[in-house]
Amino acid sequence: ANASGHFTNARNFIAVVGPKHSSEG
């Protein structure tokens, strides 16, 4: 994504993790 120009210098993220197969999750 950085190489394509979609992002510039993106390197950090918040991982959004929750229960499997859960629409409420």
mmCIF file of all heavy atoms, coordinates in Angstrom:
data_MODEL
# 
_entry.id   MODEL 
# 
loop_
_atom_site.group_PDB 
_atom_site.id 
_atom_site.type_symbol 
_atom_site.label_atom_id 
_atom_site.label_alt_id 
_atom_site.label_comp_id 
_atom_site.label_asym_id 
_atom_site.label_entity_id 
_atom_site.label_seq_id 
_atom_site.pdbx_PDB_ins_code 
_atom_site.Cartn_x 
_atom_site.Cartn_y 
_atom_site.Cartn_z 
_atom_site.occupancy 
_atom_site.B_iso_or_equiv 
_atom_site.pdbx_formal_charge 
_atom_site.auth_seq_id 
_atom_site.auth_comp_id 
_atom_site.auth_asym_id 
_atom_site.auth_atom_id 
_atom_site.pdbx_PDB_model_num 
ATOM 1   N N   . ALA A 1 1  ? 0.836   -1.213  0.000  1.00 0.00 ? 1  ALA A N   1 
ATOM 2   C CA  . ALA A 1 1  ? 0.000   0.000   0.000  1.00 0.00 ? 1  ALA A CA  1 
ATOM 3   C C   . ALA A 1 1  ? 0.862   1.251   0.000  1.00 0.00 ? 1  ALA A C   1 
ATOM 4   O O   . ALA A 1 1  ? 0.533   2.246   -0.653 1.00 0.00 ? 1  ALA A O   1 
ATOM 5   C CB  . ALA A 1 1  ? -0.941  -0.009  1.196  1.00 0.00 ? 1  ALA A CB  1 
ATOM 6   N N   . ASN A 1 2  ? 1.985   1.223   0.722  1.00 0.00 ? 2  ASN A N   1 
ATOM 7   C CA  . ASN A 1 2  ? 2.904   2.367   0.713  1.00 0.00 ? 2  ASN A CA  1 
ATOM 8   C C   . ASN A 1 2  ? 3.571   2.514   -0.652 1.00 0.00 ? 2  ASN A C   1 
ATOM 9   O O   . ASN A 1 2  ? 3.733   3.627   -1.162 1.00 0.00 ? 2  ASN A O   1 
ATOM 10  C CB  . ASN A 1 2  ? 3.973   2.208   1.801  1.00 0.00 ? 2  ASN A CB  1 
ATOM 11  C CG  . ASN A 1 2  ? 3.462   2.545   3.194  1.00 0.00 ? 2  ASN A CG  1 
ATOM 12  O OD1 . ASN A 1 2  ? 2.594   3.385   3.367  1.00 0.00 ? 2  ASN A OD1 1 
ATOM 13  N ND2 . ASN A 1 2  ? 4.010   1.878   4.203  1.00 0.00 ? 2  ASN A ND2 1 
ATOM 14  N N   . ALA A 1 3  ? 3.952   1.389   -1.247 1.00 0.00 ? 3  ALA A N   1 
ATOM 15  C CA  . ALA A 1 3  ? 4.636   1.438   -2.542 1.00 0.00 ? 3  ALA A CA  1 
ATOM 16  C C   . ALA A 1 3  ? 3.717   1.955   -3.641 1.00 0.00 ? 3  ALA A C   1 
ATOM 17  O O   . ALA A 1 3  ? 4.161   2.651   -4.563 1.00 0.00 ? 3  ALA A O   1 
ATOM 18  C CB  . ALA A 1 3  ? 5.164   0.052   -2.902 1.00 0.00 ? 3  ALA A CB  1 
ATOM 19  N N   . SER A 1 4  ? 2.425   1.639   -3.540 1.00 0.00 ? 4  SER A N   1 
ATOM 20  C CA  . SER A 1 4  ? 1.477   2.059   -4.576 1.00 0.00 ? 4  SER A CA  1 
ATOM 21  C C   . SER A 1 4  ? 1.040   3.506   -4.425 1.00 0.00 ? 4  SER A C   1 
ATOM 22  O O   . SER A 1 4  ? 0.417   4.067   -5.330 1.00 0.00 ? 4  SER A O   1 
ATOM 23  C CB  . SER A 1 4  ? 0.236   1.162   -4.535 1.00 0.00 ? 4  SER A CB  1 
ATOM 24  O OG  . SER A 1 4  ? -0.533  1.421   -3.370 1.00 0.00 ? 4  SER A OG  1 
ATOM 25  N N   . GLY A 1 5  ? 1.339   4.101   -3.270 1.00 0.00 ? 5  GLY A N   1 
ATOM 26  C CA  . GLY A 1 5  ? 0.894   5.468   -3.009 1.00 0.00 ? 5  GLY A CA  1 
ATOM 27  C C   . GLY A 1 5  ? -0.452  5.552   -2.325 1.00 0.00 ? 5  GLY A C   1 
ATOM 28  O O   . GLY A 1 5  ? -0.935  6.655   -2.038 1.00 0.00 ? 5  GLY A O   1 
ATOM 29  N N   . HIS A 1 6  ? -1.081  4.391   -2.067 1.00 0.00 ? 6  HIS A N   1 
ATOM 30  C CA  . HIS A 1 6  ? -2.357  4.424   -1.344 1.00 0.00 ? 6  HIS A CA  1 
ATOM 31  C C   . HIS A 1 6  ? -2.142  4.983   0.058  1.00 0.00 ? 6  HIS A C   1 
ATOM 32  O O   . HIS A 1 6  ? -2.977  5.729   0.582  1.00 0.00 ? 6  HIS A O   1 
ATOM 33  C CB  . HIS A 1 6  ? -2.958  3.030   -1.276 1.00 0.00 ? 6  HIS A CB  1 
ATOM 34  C CG  . HIS A 1 6  ? -4.325  2.992   -0.663 1.00 0.00 ? 6  HIS A CG  1 
ATOM 35  N ND1 . HIS A 1 6  ? -5.461  3.328   -1.365 1.00 0.00 ? 6  HIS A ND1 1 
ATOM 36  C CD2 . HIS A 1 6  ? -4.746  2.686   0.598  1.00 0.00 ? 6  HIS A CD2 1 
ATOM 37  C CE1 . HIS A 1 6  ? -6.521  3.222   -0.579 1.00 0.00 ? 6  HIS A CE1 1 
ATOM 38  N NE2 . HIS A 1 6  ? -6.114  2.834   0.622  1.00 0.00 ? 6  HIS A NE2 1 
ATOM 39  N N   . PHE A 1 7  ? -1.019  4.601   0.673  1.00 0.00 ? 7  PHE A N   1 
ATOM 40  C CA  . PHE A 1 7  ? -0.584  5.187   1.929  1.00 0.00 ? 7  PHE A CA  1 
ATOM 41  C C   . PHE A 1 7  ? 0.819   5.744   1.755  1.00 0.00 ? 7  PHE A C   1 
ATOM 42  O O   . PHE A 1 7  ? 1.555   5.372   0.829  1.00 0.00 ? 7  PHE A O   1 
ATOM 43  C CB  . PHE A 1 7  ? -0.549  4.144   3.060  1.00 0.00 ? 7  PHE A CB  1 
ATOM 44  C CG  . PHE A 1 7  ? -1.893  3.722   3.583  1.00 0.00 ? 7  PHE A CG  1 
ATOM 45  C CD1 . PHE A 1 7  ? -2.295  2.403   3.495  1.00 0.00 ? 7  PHE A CD1 1 
ATOM 46  C CD2 . PHE A 1 7  ? -2.749  4.630   4.173  1.00 0.00 ? 7  PHE A CD2 1 
ATOM 47  C CE1 . PHE A 1 7  ? -3.529  1.998   3.973  1.00 0.00 ? 7  PHE A CE1 1 
ATOM 48  C CE2 . PHE A 1 7  ? -3.985  4.240   4.655  1.00 0.00 ? 7  PHE A CE2 1 
ATOM 49  C CZ  . PHE A 1 7  ? -4.375  2.915   4.559  1.00 0.00 ? 7  PHE A CZ  1 
ATOM 50  N N   . THR A 1 8  ? 1.193   6.618   2.676  1.00 0.00 ? 8  THR A N   1 
ATOM 51  C CA  . THR A 1 8  ? 2.571   7.093   2.788  1.00 0.00 ? 8  THR A CA  1 
ATOM 52  C C   . THR A 1 8  ? 3.023   6.894   4.224  1.00 0.00 ? 8  THR A C   1 
ATOM 53  O O   . THR A 1 8  ? 2.386   7.396   5.153  1.00 0.00 ? 8  THR A O   1 
ATOM 54  C CB  . THR A 1 8  ? 2.679   8.582   2.418  1.00 0.00 ? 8  THR A CB  1 
ATOM 55  O OG1 . THR A 1 8  ? 2.229   8.776   1.072  1.00 0.00 ? 8  THR A OG1 1 
ATOM 56  C CG2 . THR A 1 8  ? 4.111   9.070   2.540  1.00 0.00 ? 8  THR A CG2 1 
ATOM 57  N N   . ASN A 1 9  ? 4.088   6.117   4.389  1.00 0.00 ? 9  ASN A N   1 
ATOM 58  C CA  . ASN A 1 9  ? 4.695   5.886   5.709  1.00 0.00 ? 9  ASN A CA  1 
ATOM 59  C C   . ASN A 1 9  ? 3.760   5.235   6.717  1.00 0.00 ? 9  ASN A C   1 
ATOM 60  O O   . ASN A 1 9  ? 3.942   5.401   7.930  1.00 0.00 ? 9  ASN A O   1 
ATOM 61  C CB  . ASN A 1 9  ? 5.236   7.196   6.297  1.00 0.00 ? 9  ASN A CB  1 
ATOM 62  C CG  . ASN A 1 9  ? 6.395   7.760   5.509  1.00 0.00 ? 9  ASN A CG  1 
ATOM 63  O OD1 . ASN A 1 9  ? 7.254   7.015   5.033  1.00 0.00 ? 9  ASN A OD1 1 
ATOM 64  N ND2 . ASN A 1 9  ? 6.429   9.075   5.348  1.00 0.00 ? 9  ASN A ND2 1 
ATOM 65  N N   . ALA A 1 10 ? 2.774   4.482   6.268  1.00 0.00 ? 10 ALA A N   1 
ATOM 66  C CA  . ALA A 1 10 ? 1.935   3.730   7.206  1.00 0.00 ? 10 ALA A CA  1 
ATOM 67  C C   . ALA A 1 10 ? 2.765   2.595   7.803  1.00 0.00 ? 10 ALA A C   1 
ATOM 68  O O   . ALA A 1 10 ? 3.374   1.814   7.066  1.00 0.00 ? 10 ALA A O   1 
ATOM 69  C CB  . ALA A 1 10 ? 0.702   3.179   6.503  1.00 0.00 ? 10 ALA A CB  1 
ATOM 70  N N   . ARG A 1 11 ? 2.778   2.490   9.130  1.00 0.00 ? 11 ARG A N   1 
ATOM 71  C CA  . ARG A 1 11 ? 3.590   1.458   9.784  1.00 0.00 ? 11 ARG A CA  1 
ATOM 72  C C   . ARG A 1 11 ? 3.014   1.017   11.132 1.00 0.00 ? 11 ARG A C   1 
ATOM 73  O O   . ARG A 1 11 ? 3.497   0.051   11.719 1.00 0.00 ? 11 ARG A O   1 
ATOM 74  C CB  . ARG A 1 11 ? 5.023   1.948   9.970  1.00 0.00 ? 11 ARG A CB  1 
ATOM 75  C CG  . ARG A 1 11 ? 5.160   3.182   10.815 1.00 0.00 ? 11 ARG A CG  1 
ATOM 76  C CD  . ARG A 1 11 ? 6.570   3.782   10.769 1.00 0.00 ? 11 ARG A CD  1 
ATOM 77  N NE  . ARG A 1 11 ? 7.613   2.845   11.121 1.00 0.00 ? 11 ARG A NE  1 
ATOM 78  C CZ  . ARG A 1 11 ? 8.569   2.427   10.258 1.00 0.00 ? 11 ARG A CZ  1 
ATOM 79  N NH1 . ARG A 1 11 ? 8.569   2.855   9.003  1.00 0.00 ? 11 ARG A NH1 1 
ATOM 80  N NH2 . ARG A 1 11 ? 9.505   1.595   10.654 1.00 0.00 ? 11 ARG A NH2 1 
ATOM 81  N N   . ASN A 1 12 ? 2.030   1.727   11.632 1.00 0.00 ? 12 ASN A N   1 
ATOM 82  C CA  . ASN A 1 12 ? 1.408   1.388   12.914 1.00 0.00 ? 12 ASN A CA  1 
ATOM 83  C C   . ASN A 1 12 ? -0.079  1.129   12.694 1.00 0.00 ? 12 ASN A C   1 
ATOM 84  O O   . ASN A 1 12 ? -0.696  1.725   11.801 1.00 0.00 ? 12 ASN A O   1 
ATOM 85  C CB  . ASN A 1 12 ? 1.543   2.541   13.922 1.00 0.00 ? 12 ASN A CB  1 
ATOM 86  C CG  . ASN A 1 12 ? 2.929   3.122   13.979 1.00 0.00 ? 12 ASN A CG  1 
ATOM 87  O OD1 . ASN A 1 12 ? 3.890   2.431   14.286 1.00 0.00 ? 12 ASN A OD1 1 
ATOM 88  N ND2 . ASN A 1 12 ? 3.047   4.414   13.657 1.00 0.00 ? 12 ASN A ND2 1 
ATOM 89  N N   . PHE A 1 13 ? -0.653  0.259   13.529 1.00 0.00 ? 13 PHE A N   1 
ATOM 90  C CA  . PHE A 1 13 ? -2.096  0.036   13.390 1.00 0.00 ? 13 PHE A CA  1 
ATOM 91  C C   . PHE A 1 13 ? -2.692  -0.435  14.706 1.00 0.00 ? 13 PHE A C   1 
ATOM 92  O O   . PHE A 1 13 ? -1.996  -0.935  15.595 1.00 0.00 ? 13 PHE A O   1 
ATOM 93  C CB  . PHE A 1 13 ? -2.403  -0.973  12.276 1.00 0.00 ? 13 PHE A CB  1 
ATOM 94  C CG  . PHE A 1 13 ? -1.913  -2.385  12.515 1.00 0.00 ? 13 PHE A CG  1 
ATOM 95  C CD1 . PHE A 1 13 ? -2.756  -3.365  13.023 1.00 0.00 ? 13 PHE A CD1 1 
ATOM 96  C CD2 . PHE A 1 13 ? -0.610  -2.745  12.204 1.00 0.00 ? 13 PHE A CD2 1 
ATOM 97  C CE1 . PHE A 1 13 ? -2.318  -4.657  13.234 1.00 0.00 ? 13 PHE A CE1 1 
ATOM 98  C CE2 . PHE A 1 13 ? -0.149  -4.038  12.403 1.00 0.00 ? 13 PHE A CE2 1 
ATOM 99  C CZ  . PHE A 1 13 ? -1.011  -5.007  12.924 1.00 0.00 ? 13 PHE A CZ  1 
ATOM 100 N N   . ILE A 1 14 ? -3.990  -0.215  14.806 1.00 0.00 ? 14 ILE A N   1 
ATOM 101 C CA  . ILE A 1 14 ? -4.775  -0.814  15.875 1.00 0.00 ? 14 ILE A CA  1 
ATOM 102 C C   . ILE A 1 14 ? -5.415  -2.067  15.301 1.00 0.00 ? 14 ILE A C   1 
ATOM 103 O O   . ILE A 1 14 ? -6.138  -1.997  14.295 1.00 0.00 ? 14 ILE A O   1 
ATOM 104 C CB  . ILE A 1 14 ? -5.848  0.152   16.405 1.00 0.00 ? 14 ILE A CB  1 
ATOM 105 C CG1 . ILE A 1 14 ? -5.194  1.375   17.044 1.00 0.00 ? 14 ILE A CG1 1 
ATOM 106 C CG2 . ILE A 1 14 ? -6.763  -0.545  17.402 1.00 0.00 ? 14 ILE A CG2 1 
ATOM 107 C CD1 . ILE A 1 14 ? -6.151  2.498   17.353 1.00 0.00 ? 14 ILE A CD1 1 
ATOM 108 N N   . ALA A 1 15 ? -5.113  -3.205  15.897 1.00 0.00 ? 15 ALA A N   1 
ATOM 109 C CA  . ALA A 1 15 ? -5.710  -4.468  15.469 1.00 0.00 ? 15 ALA A CA  1 
ATOM 110 C C   . ALA A 1 15 ? -7.099  -4.587  16.083 1.00 0.00 ? 15 ALA A C   1 
ATOM 111 O O   . ALA A 1 15 ? -7.250  -4.523  17.303 1.00 0.00 ? 15 ALA A O   1 
ATOM 112 C CB  . ALA A 1 15 ? -4.837  -5.633  15.907 1.00 0.00 ? 15 ALA A CB  1 
ATOM 113 N N   . VAL A 1 16 ? -8.103  -4.736  15.227 1.00 0.00 ? 16 VAL A N   1 
ATOM 114 C CA  . VAL A 1 16 ? -9.490  -4.851  15.686 1.00 0.00 ? 16 VAL A CA  1 
ATOM 115 C C   . VAL A 1 16 ? -9.828  -6.337  15.719 1.00 0.00 ? 16 VAL A C   1 
ATOM 116 O O   . VAL A 1 16 ? -10.164 -6.948  14.704 1.00 0.00 ? 16 VAL A O   1 
ATOM 117 C CB  . VAL A 1 16 ? -10.437 -4.068  14.758 1.00 0.00 ? 16 VAL A CB  1 
ATOM 118 C CG1 . VAL A 1 16 ? -11.867 -4.110  15.298 1.00 0.00 ? 16 VAL A CG1 1 
ATOM 119 C CG2 . VAL A 1 16 ? -9.981  -2.614  14.619 1.00 0.00 ? 16 VAL A CG2 1 
ATOM 120 N N   . VAL A 1 17 ? -9.691  -6.927  16.887 1.00 0.00 ? 17 VAL A N   1 
ATOM 121 C CA  . VAL A 1 17 ? -9.830  -8.371  17.084 1.00 0.00 ? 17 VAL A CA  1 
ATOM 122 C C   . VAL A 1 17 ? -11.039 -8.644  17.972 1.00 0.00 ? 17 VAL A C   1 
ATOM 123 O O   . VAL A 1 17 ? -11.243 -7.977  18.989 1.00 0.00 ? 17 VAL A O   1 
ATOM 124 C CB  . VAL A 1 17 ? -8.553  -8.957  17.732 1.00 0.00 ? 17 VAL A CB  1 
ATOM 125 C CG1 . VAL A 1 17 ? -8.711  -10.450 18.015 1.00 0.00 ? 17 VAL A CG1 1 
ATOM 126 C CG2 . VAL A 1 17 ? -7.333  -8.700  16.849 1.00 0.00 ? 17 VAL A CG2 1 
ATOM 127 N N   . GLY A 1 18 ? -11.839 -9.634  17.563 1.00 0.00 ? 18 GLY A N   1 
ATOM 128 C CA  . GLY A 1 18 ? -13.021 -9.979  18.339 1.00 0.00 ? 18 GLY A CA  1 
ATOM 129 C C   . GLY A 1 18 ? -13.434 -11.411 18.082 1.00 0.00 ? 18 GLY A C   1 
ATOM 130 O O   . GLY A 1 18 ? -12.744 -12.157 17.379 1.00 0.00 ? 18 GLY A O   1 
ATOM 131 N N   . PRO A 1 19 ? -14.571 -11.834 18.628 1.00 0.00 ? 19 PRO A N   1 
ATOM 132 C CA  . PRO A 1 19 ? -15.008 -13.225 18.503 1.00 0.00 ? 19 PRO A CA  1 
ATOM 133 C C   . PRO A 1 19 ? -15.292 -13.618 17.049 1.00 0.00 ? 19 PRO A C   1 
ATOM 134 O O   . PRO A 1 19 ? -15.787 -12.819 16.265 1.00 0.00 ? 19 PRO A O   1 
ATOM 135 C CB  . PRO A 1 19 ? -16.269 -13.294 19.359 1.00 0.00 ? 19 PRO A CB  1 
ATOM 136 C CG  . PRO A 1 19 ? -16.722 -11.876 19.508 1.00 0.00 ? 19 PRO A CG  1 
ATOM 137 C CD  . PRO A 1 19 ? -15.492 -11.038 19.467 1.00 0.00 ? 19 PRO A CD  1 
ATOM 138 N N   . LYS A 1 20 ? -14.969 -14.862 16.725 1.00 0.00 ? 20 LYS A N   1 
ATOM 139 C CA  . LYS A 1 20 ? -15.177 -15.366 15.362 1.00 0.00 ? 20 LYS A CA  1 
ATOM 140 C C   . LYS A 1 20 ? -16.659 -15.417 15.001 1.00 0.00 ? 20 LYS A C   1 
ATOM 141 O O   . LYS A 1 20 ? -17.509 -15.719 15.842 1.00 0.00 ? 20 LYS A O   1 
ATOM 142 C CB  . LYS A 1 20 ? -14.601 -16.781 15.235 1.00 0.00 ? 20 LYS A CB  1 
ATOM 143 C CG  . LYS A 1 20 ? -13.106 -16.872 15.091 1.00 0.00 ? 20 LYS A CG  1 
ATOM 144 C CD  . LYS A 1 20 ? -12.692 -18.329 14.901 1.00 0.00 ? 20 LYS A CD  1 
ATOM 145 C CE  . LYS A 1 20 ? -11.195 -18.445 14.678 1.00 0.00 ? 20 LYS A CE  1 
ATOM 146 N NZ  . LYS A 1 20 ? -10.781 -19.859 14.561 1.00 0.00 ? 20 LYS A NZ  1 
ATOM 147 N N   . HIS A 1 21 ? -16.931 -15.141 13.727 1.00 0.00 ? 21 HIS A N   1 
ATOM 148 C CA  . HIS A 1 21 ? -18.251 -15.364 13.129 1.00 0.00 ? 21 HIS A CA  1 
ATOM 149 C C   . HIS A 1 21 ? -19.369 -14.715 13.949 1.00 0.00 ? 21 HIS A C   1 
ATOM 150 O O   . HIS A 1 21 ? -20.429 -15.305 14.162 1.00 0.00 ? 21 HIS A O   1 
ATOM 151 C CB  . HIS A 1 21 ? -18.529 -16.862 12.979 1.00 0.00 ? 21 HIS A CB  1 
ATOM 152 C CG  . HIS A 1 21 ? -17.402 -17.643 12.390 1.00 0.00 ? 21 HIS A CG  1 
ATOM 153 N ND1 . HIS A 1 21 ? -16.840 -17.336 11.168 1.00 0.00 ? 21 HIS A ND1 1 
ATOM 154 C CD2 . HIS A 1 21 ? -16.713 -18.715 12.868 1.00 0.00 ? 21 HIS A CD2 1 
ATOM 155 C CE1 . HIS A 1 21 ? -15.866 -18.188 10.907 1.00 0.00 ? 21 HIS A CE1 1 
ATOM 156 N NE2 . HIS A 1 21 ? -15.764 -19.030 11.917 1.00 0.00 ? 21 HIS A NE2 1 
ATOM 157 N N   . SER A 1 22 ? -19.138 -13.489 14.387 1.00 0.00 ? 22 SER A N   1 
ATOM 158 C CA  . SER A 1 22 ? -20.109 -12.813 15.245 1.00 0.00 ? 22 SER A CA  1 
ATOM 159 C C   . SER A 1 22 ? -20.464 -11.459 14.671 1.00 0.00 ? 22 SER A C   1 
ATOM 160 O O   . SER A 1 22 ? -19.638 -10.543 14.666 1.00 0.00 ? 22 SER A O   1 
ATOM 161 C CB  . SER A 1 22 ? -19.531 -12.654 16.666 1.00 0.00 ? 22 SER A CB  1 
ATOM 162 O OG  . SER A 1 22 ? -20.351 -11.823 17.456 1.00 0.00 ? 22 SER A OG  1 
ATOM 163 N N   . SER A 1 23 ? -21.702 -11.319 14.200 1.00 0.00 ? 23 SER A N   1 
ATOM 164 C CA  . SER A 1 23 ? -22.130 -10.008 13.697 1.00 0.00 ? 23 SER A CA  1 
ATOM 165 C C   . SER A 1 23 ? -22.181 -8.992  14.832 1.00 0.00 ? 23 SER A C   1 
ATOM 166 O O   . SER A 1 23 ? -21.829 -7.825  14.636 1.00 0.00 ? 23 SER A O   1 
ATOM 167 C CB  . SER A 1 23 ? -23.492 -10.119 13.003 1.00 0.00 ? 23 SER A CB  1 
ATOM 168 O OG  . SER A 1 23 ? -24.476 -10.625 13.896 1.00 0.00 ? 23 SER A OG  1 
ATOM 169 N N   . GLU A 1 24 ? -22.571 -9.440  16.036 1.00 0.00 ? 24 GLU A N   1 
ATOM 170 C CA  . GLU A 1 24 ? -22.571 -8.512  17.160 1.00 0.00 ? 24 GLU A CA  1 
ATOM 171 C C   . GLU A 1 24 ? -21.144 -8.110  17.528 1.00 0.00 ? 24 GLU A C   1 
ATOM 172 O O   . GLU A 1 24 ? -20.887 -6.953  17.865 1.00 0.00 ? 24 GLU A O   1 
ATOM 173 C CB  . GLU A 1 24 ? -23.256 -9.123  18.384 1.00 0.00 ? 24 GLU A CB  1 
ATOM 174 C CG  . GLU A 1 24 ? -23.319 -8.144  19.557 1.00 0.00 ? 24 GLU A CG  1 
ATOM 175 C CD  . GLU A 1 24 ? -24.031 -8.686  20.773 1.00 0.00 ? 24 GLU A CD  1 
ATOM 176 O OE1 . GLU A 1 24 ? -25.158 -9.215  20.616 1.00 0.00 ? 24 GLU A OE1 1 
ATOM 177 O OE2 . GLU A 1 24 ? -23.465 -8.570  21.880 1.00 0.00 ? 24 GLU A OE2 1 
ATOM 178 N N   . GLY A 1 25 ? -20.215 -9.053  17.431 1.00 0.00 ? 25 GLY A N   1 
ATOM 179 C CA  . GLY A 1 25 ? -18.823 -8.716  17.688 1.00 0.00 ? 25 GLY A CA  1 
ATOM 180 C C   . GLY A 1 25 ? -18.317 -7.660  16.729 1.00 0.00 ? 25 GLY A C   1 
ATOM 181 O O   . GLY A 1 25 ? -17.606 -6.725  17.126 1.00 0.00 ? 25 GLY A O   1 
# 
